[in-house]
Amino acid sequence: MATQCINGLAVEISGEGDAVLCIHGLGGSSNVWTPVAGALQSFQRIAPDLPGSARSALAAGPLSIESLVETIAALLHQLQLKSVHVVAHSLGTIIAQHLAVAHPQRVRSLALFGPLVAPPDAGRPGIRARAELARKGVVAMQEIADAIVQGATSQETKAERPAVLAAVRELIMRQPSEGYAQSCEALAAAQSAALEAIAVPVLLVTGDQDGVAPAANVEAMAKRLADASLVVLPRCGHWTTLEQPQRCAQELETFYTRLR
């Protein structure tokens, strides 16, 4: 595995075979995919840190879903990849859906973990408030991290998997404040992609205790897609690949076996 700096992005590239692009969510990094790397070992795995997240520089101008989609499209162009399978989490799933609509020739399949179409209108002010809190710096980022650990992981994870809690907390605490704030604002402004236009196979995976991507919402999402399968993981919150890595890896392997 090697990290390259491409167009200001820190991008981990490893393996050989068909390309799979891994897009993390809000507060994440390429490390969100480390627990399921075994399921992707037959692919060339491309895992960027999004602009303003983790090790990647913040792009000029405010972040938006549209700018993030075009950043990803530019990365694929730079790597001379005509089409890729896409694996994404949370905010990354919104980016992935818009990428599939805006650049359909680039996307061969979607595997979406903790998927959401867009935030509910009632939730948007809270996301914008989190952006303002993030701009207060490292102490505020710890406050945000602690709240997310408590609110976005399952009861079983909190009781039985302290290393997962530490990993989620560390991911968020290490985010650059302004980059995290702009990522929040991009999420708060996100609108639904034209899901009915997505023709590729889609895997939707959520947790039975995921309050960000509740199973009922993901089921409604699946009904708008031409070829979607839905999996609800027991004892799992929103950080699916960290909370239930074995099950997530298994679902990925089954999905890609079906596509071959």
Foldseek 3Di string as FASTA:
>chain_A
DDWDQDPQKTKDWDADDAEEEEAEAQLAFLVLCVLQVVLCRNHTYITIGFDQAFRGHHDPDFDALVVRLVVVVVVCVVVVQQAHAYEYADNRLCSVLQNCVVRVRHYQEYEYALDDQAFPLVCLVVLLVLLVQLVVDLVSLLVVLVVCLVQFWFPCCVVPPVVLSVVSSVSRSSGRSNSSSSSSNNRSPGHGDQQLPRAHAYEYEYECAEPSRHPVRVVVSQVSHPHYDYYYHYNTGRSCCSRPVVVSSVVSNVVVVVVD
